[in-house]
Protein backbone atom coordinates (compact mmCIF):
# COMPACT_ATOMS: atom_id res chain seq x y z
CA MET A 1 112.08 64.80 36.26
CA ALA A 2 115.11 62.98 37.66
CA GLU A 3 118.13 64.82 39.00
CA PRO A 4 120.99 65.26 36.49
CA THR A 5 123.31 63.46 38.91
CA THR A 6 121.05 60.41 38.93
CA VAL A 7 120.62 60.36 35.16
CA ALA A 8 124.34 60.86 34.50
CA ARG A 9 125.51 58.09 36.86
CA PRO A 10 124.84 55.06 34.59
CA TYR A 11 126.58 56.77 31.67
CA ALA A 12 129.61 57.64 33.82
CA GLU A 13 129.79 54.11 35.22
CA ALA A 14 129.54 52.52 31.77
CA ILE A 15 132.23 54.80 30.36
CA PHE A 16 134.42 54.10 33.39
CA ARG A 17 134.11 50.32 32.88
CA LEU A 18 134.93 50.74 29.18
CA ALA A 19 137.95 52.90 29.99
CA GLN A 20 139.13 50.45 32.65
CA GLU A 21 138.84 47.47 30.32
CA SER A 22 140.79 49.23 27.59
CA GLY A 23 143.36 50.68 30.01
CA SER A 24 142.61 54.21 28.88
CA LEU A 25 141.38 56.00 32.01
CA ALA A 26 143.61 59.04 31.43
CA LYS A 27 142.58 59.34 27.77
CA TRP A 28 138.87 59.11 28.65
CA SER A 29 139.34 61.66 31.40
CA GLU A 30 140.82 64.06 28.86
CA MET A 31 138.15 63.36 26.22
CA LEU A 32 135.28 63.83 28.68
CA ALA A 33 136.79 67.09 29.94
CA ASP A 34 137.03 68.33 26.34
CA LEU A 35 133.45 67.27 25.61
CA ALA A 36 132.16 68.98 28.75
CA LYS A 37 134.01 72.16 27.83
CA VAL A 38 132.63 72.22 24.29
CA ALA A 39 129.11 71.38 25.52
CA SER A 40 129.22 74.36 27.88
CA ASP A 41 129.77 76.81 24.99
CA PRO A 42 126.64 79.00 24.68
CA ARG A 43 126.30 78.33 20.93
CA ILE A 44 126.50 74.56 21.39
CA ARG A 45 124.08 74.76 24.34
CA ALA A 46 121.62 76.69 22.17
CA ALA A 47 121.86 73.98 19.49
CA MET A 48 121.38 71.22 22.07
CA ASN A 49 118.24 72.93 23.35
CA ASP A 50 116.79 73.61 19.89
CA PRO A 51 114.00 71.07 19.35
CA ASN A 52 114.04 71.77 15.60
CA LEU A 53 117.60 70.51 15.14
CA PRO A 54 117.96 66.77 14.55
CA THR A 55 119.97 65.04 17.27
CA ALA A 56 122.41 63.68 14.66
CA LYS A 57 123.21 67.24 13.57
CA VAL A 58 123.83 68.38 17.15
CA ALA A 59 126.11 65.38 17.75
CA GLY A 60 127.88 66.18 14.49
CA MET A 61 128.53 69.74 15.64
CA LEU A 62 130.11 68.53 18.87
CA LEU A 63 132.19 65.93 17.06
CA ALA A 64 133.30 68.45 14.42
CA VAL A 65 134.65 70.81 17.08
CA LEU A 66 136.71 67.97 18.58
CA ALA A 67 137.64 66.30 15.28
CA GLY A 68 140.67 64.04 15.70
CA ARG A 69 140.68 64.31 19.49
CA LEU A 70 138.08 61.65 20.26
CA SER A 71 138.23 57.88 19.94
CA ALA A 72 135.60 55.93 18.01
CA ASP A 73 134.08 54.86 21.34
CA ALA A 74 133.85 58.50 22.45
CA ASP A 75 132.15 59.36 19.15
CA ASN A 76 129.62 56.62 19.88
CA VAL A 77 129.01 57.95 23.39
CA VAL A 78 128.26 61.40 21.95
CA ARG A 79 125.85 59.92 19.42
CA VAL A 80 124.05 57.87 22.11
CA LEU A 81 123.78 60.90 24.39
CA ALA A 82 122.43 62.97 21.50
CA GLU A 83 119.85 60.32 20.56
CA ASN A 84 118.65 60.25 24.17
CA ARG A 85 118.75 64.06 24.40
CA ARG A 86 121.30 63.87 27.21
CA LEU A 87 124.18 65.95 25.85
CA GLU A 88 123.57 68.56 28.56
CA LEU A 89 124.79 65.91 31.05
CA LEU A 90 128.35 65.85 29.67
CA ALA A 91 129.77 68.01 32.48
CA GLU A 92 128.10 65.85 35.15
CA ILE A 93 129.22 62.65 33.41
CA ALA A 94 132.80 63.97 33.29
CA SER A 95 132.63 64.90 36.97
CA GLN A 96 131.31 61.49 38.02
CA PHE A 97 133.86 59.74 35.81
CA GLU A 98 136.64 61.66 37.58
CA ALA A 99 135.23 60.66 40.97
CA LEU A 100 135.22 56.99 39.93
CA LYS A 101 138.75 57.32 38.56
CA TYR A 102 140.00 58.94 41.77
CA GLU A 103 138.35 56.24 43.86
CA ASP A 104 140.00 53.56 41.71
CA GLU A 105 143.39 55.26 42.12
CA GLY A 106 142.98 55.76 45.88
CA ILE A 107 142.68 59.53 45.59
CA VAL A 108 140.19 61.79 47.35
CA GLN A 109 139.44 65.29 46.21
CA ALA A 110 139.60 67.95 48.92
CA GLU A 111 137.99 71.34 48.44
CA ILE A 112 140.08 73.71 50.52
CA VAL A 113 138.72 77.20 51.10
CA SER A 114 141.03 79.58 52.91
CA ALA A 115 140.52 83.13 54.13
CA PHE A 116 143.90 84.05 52.64
CA PRO A 117 146.00 82.50 49.86
CA LEU A 118 148.04 79.53 51.11
CA ASP A 119 151.71 79.37 50.22
CA GLN A 120 153.14 76.12 48.88
CA ALA A 121 154.56 75.01 52.25
CA GLN A 122 151.23 75.56 54.04
CA LEU A 123 149.35 73.66 51.34
CA GLN A 124 151.83 70.76 51.43
CA THR A 125 151.54 70.55 55.23
CA LEU A 126 147.75 70.59 55.07
CA VAL A 127 147.66 67.96 52.30
CA ALA A 128 150.09 65.72 54.22
CA HIS A 129 147.88 65.98 57.32
CA LEU A 130 144.75 65.15 55.29
CA GLU A 131 146.50 62.19 53.64
CA SER A 132 147.51 60.77 57.02
CA ASN A 133 143.93 61.15 58.30
CA THR A 134 142.20 59.68 55.23
CA GLY A 135 144.79 57.04 54.33
CA LYS A 136 144.49 58.15 50.70
CA ARG A 137 146.26 60.52 48.37
CA VAL A 138 144.62 63.94 48.40
CA LYS A 139 144.06 66.10 45.35
CA PRO A 140 143.48 69.65 46.60
CA LEU A 141 141.18 72.18 44.93
CA VAL A 142 142.13 75.46 46.59
CA SER A 143 140.17 78.71 46.63
CA THR A 144 139.98 81.77 48.86
CA ASP A 145 137.03 83.46 50.56
CA SER A 146 137.81 86.57 52.60
CA GLU A 147 134.44 86.30 54.37
CA LEU A 148 135.84 83.38 56.39
CA ILE A 149 137.88 86.00 58.33
CA ALA A 150 140.69 83.50 59.11
CA GLY A 151 141.38 79.79 58.93
CA VAL A 152 140.51 77.01 56.49
CA ARG A 153 137.43 74.93 55.59
CA VAL A 154 138.09 71.52 54.04
CA THR A 155 135.43 69.42 52.33
CA ILE A 156 136.17 65.81 51.39
CA GLY A 157 133.11 64.05 50.05
CA ASP A 158 130.40 64.63 52.63
CA LYS A 159 132.84 65.47 55.45
CA VAL A 160 133.47 69.10 56.34
CA ILE A 161 136.27 70.25 58.61
CA ASP A 162 135.57 73.88 59.42
CA GLY A 163 138.45 75.57 61.19
CA THR A 164 137.51 79.09 60.16
CA ALA A 165 137.17 82.04 62.50
CA ARG A 166 133.71 82.66 61.05
CA ALA A 167 132.54 79.16 62.10
CA GLN A 168 134.04 79.58 65.56
CA LEU A 169 132.32 82.95 66.01
CA GLU A 170 129.00 81.49 64.88
CA ALA A 171 129.41 78.60 67.36
CA LEU A 172 130.21 81.08 70.14
CA ALA A 173 127.16 83.19 69.26
CA ALA A 174 124.94 80.09 69.31
CA ALA A 175 126.34 79.02 72.69
CA LEU A 176 125.76 82.49 74.16
CA LYS A 177 122.12 82.48 72.98
CA ARG A 178 121.39 79.29 74.94
């Protein structure tokens, strides 16, 4: 069976093109986020995985929850995904859509993991440094992990900048073993 990322990609790309053509990237971003949130509800997930429920009924449940918040095109996307038994991909489709949108807008997403909470000034300084290095606007996703001991680990796409004390200690231990 194919990876969810691989299966979701054509859907995300098609929705992105549709949103671009209609000038509604922000609206689609919002609708896909709502759909992904509803699809992650345990009751909806159970219905999606129930082989005895017709796909039209499952799509109808999703659409009923978001009644009035989706465009006609978004309704059609839900129905197509349901017919192809791909509703479980909504979160991945939303994620890939956001990545395409960010790329189009010249934004990169940076996952910043810090040993301690960063104050606003520290975060702004770090973001400014990342923006000057990447040449793009940076959207930070910040979290903390006390196991890092000290420092920050930044992940942008497939690049990792690990300035944590834990990484430095591991490098020192590896060098001493040689």
